[in-house]
Protein backbone atom coordinates (compact mmCIF):
# COMPACT_ATOMS: atom_id res chain seq x y z
CA MET A 1 -0.17 -0.24 0.02
CA SER A 2 2.64 2.83 1.04
CA LEU A 3 3.97 2.06 -2.92
CA GLU A 4 0.64 2.57 -4.26
CA ASN A 5 0.92 6.16 -2.01
CA ALA A 6 4.58 6.95 -2.64
CA GLU A 7 3.27 6.62 -6.34
CA ALA A 8 -0.48 8.73 -6.57
CA LEU A 9 1.72 11.38 -3.56
CA LEU A 10 4.04 11.61 -6.48
CA ARG A 11 1.30 12.13 -9.18
CA GLU A 12 -0.03 14.90 -6.59
CA LEU A 13 2.78 16.72 -7.02
CA ARG A 14 3.22 16.67 -10.87
CA ALA A 15 -0.08 17.72 -11.27
CA GLU A 16 0.85 20.30 -8.87
CA LEU A 17 3.75 21.82 -10.26
CA GLU A 18 1.79 22.06 -13.84
CA ARG A 19 -0.97 23.99 -11.96
CA GLU A 20 1.58 26.62 -10.70
CA GLY A 21 3.54 27.96 -13.53
CA ASP A 22 4.96 30.39 -13.93
CA ALA A 23 4.12 31.06 -10.52
CA MET A 24 7.73 28.81 -9.90
CA ASP A 25 11.46 29.70 -10.61
CA ASP A 26 12.63 27.82 -13.41
CA ALA A 27 15.51 26.13 -10.42
CA THR A 28 12.91 25.69 -8.57
CA ARG A 29 10.86 23.29 -10.95
CA GLU A 30 14.12 21.58 -12.04
CA ARG A 31 14.92 20.44 -8.94
CA LEU A 32 11.75 19.13 -8.02
CA ARG A 33 11.38 17.64 -11.17
CA ALA A 34 14.89 16.00 -10.67
CA LEU A 35 13.70 15.01 -6.76
CA ASP A 36 10.64 13.36 -8.60
CA ALA A 37 12.76 11.08 -11.21
CA ASP A 38 14.92 10.43 -8.49
CA ILE A 39 11.95 8.78 -6.44
CA GLN A 40 11.17 7.10 -9.25
CA ALA A 41 14.17 5.84 -9.63
CA LEU A 42 14.56 4.71 -5.79
CA LEU A 43 10.64 3.06 -5.99
CA ALA A 44 11.42 1.31 -8.67
CA GLN A 45 14.46 -0.19 -7.28
CA GLN A 46 16.85 0.83 -10.24
CA GLU A 47 20.87 0.04 -9.40
CA ASP A 48 21.76 4.12 -10.40
CA ALA A 49 18.88 4.98 -7.87
CA PRO A 50 20.62 8.06 -5.61
CA ASP A 51 20.91 6.93 -1.97
CA SER A 52 17.28 7.20 0.00
CA ASP A 53 18.69 9.02 2.68
CA SER A 54 20.49 11.78 -0.08
CA ILE A 55 16.15 11.60 -1.60
CA ILE A 56 14.66 12.16 1.89
CA SER A 57 17.67 14.57 2.73
CA ARG A 58 16.36 16.65 -0.48
CA ALA A 59 12.10 16.21 -0.10
CA THR A 60 12.57 17.78 3.42
CA GLU A 61 14.92 20.89 2.46
CA ALA A 62 12.18 21.32 -0.71
CA GLU A 63 9.18 20.76 1.30
CA ALA A 64 10.73 24.15 3.57
CA GLU A 65 11.43 25.83 1.57
CA PHE A 66 7.89 25.69 -0.22
CA ALA A 67 5.77 25.92 3.29
CA ALA A 68 5.79 29.76 2.64
CA ARG A 69 5.68 29.91 -1.07
CA HIS A 70 3.66 27.15 -2.03
CA PRO A 71 1.94 25.32 0.41
CA VAL A 72 0.35 22.78 -1.43
CA ALA A 73 3.30 21.60 -3.48
CA GLY A 74 4.91 21.67 0.33
CA GLY A 75 2.04 19.45 2.06
CA PHE A 76 2.71 16.90 -0.87
CA LEU A 77 6.43 16.56 -0.33
CA ARG A 78 5.59 16.29 3.32
CA GLN A 79 3.08 13.47 3.04
CA LEU A 80 5.59 11.94 0.62
CA VAL A 81 8.35 11.99 3.09
CA ASP A 82 6.15 10.38 5.07
CA THR A 83 5.00 8.13 3.34
CA LEU A 84 8.43 7.15 2.01
CA SER A 85 9.74 7.02 5.84
CA ARG A 86 7.40 4.46 6.51
CA MET A 87 8.36 2.69 4.22
CA GLY A 88 11.78 2.13 5.97
CA ILE A 89 13.16 4.68 2.97
């Protein structure tokens, strides 16, 4: 169930990034897309997936940054970090 939750949260985060459109700067949008790709690789258990600690750390930093400027995306990131943590990642 947790894997399905993580994938659903990634889909919601992608949708929110699309909705934010111009309200989000290119560097932030690219950082989140890279984080999304890394989490997908980790969930798919790809050999070249980044270290899970690195992913959790980056997601936590992004969530803290988004809390004020992009609260919906920040909420998805917070839920995603919680889900990944419950999965033991």
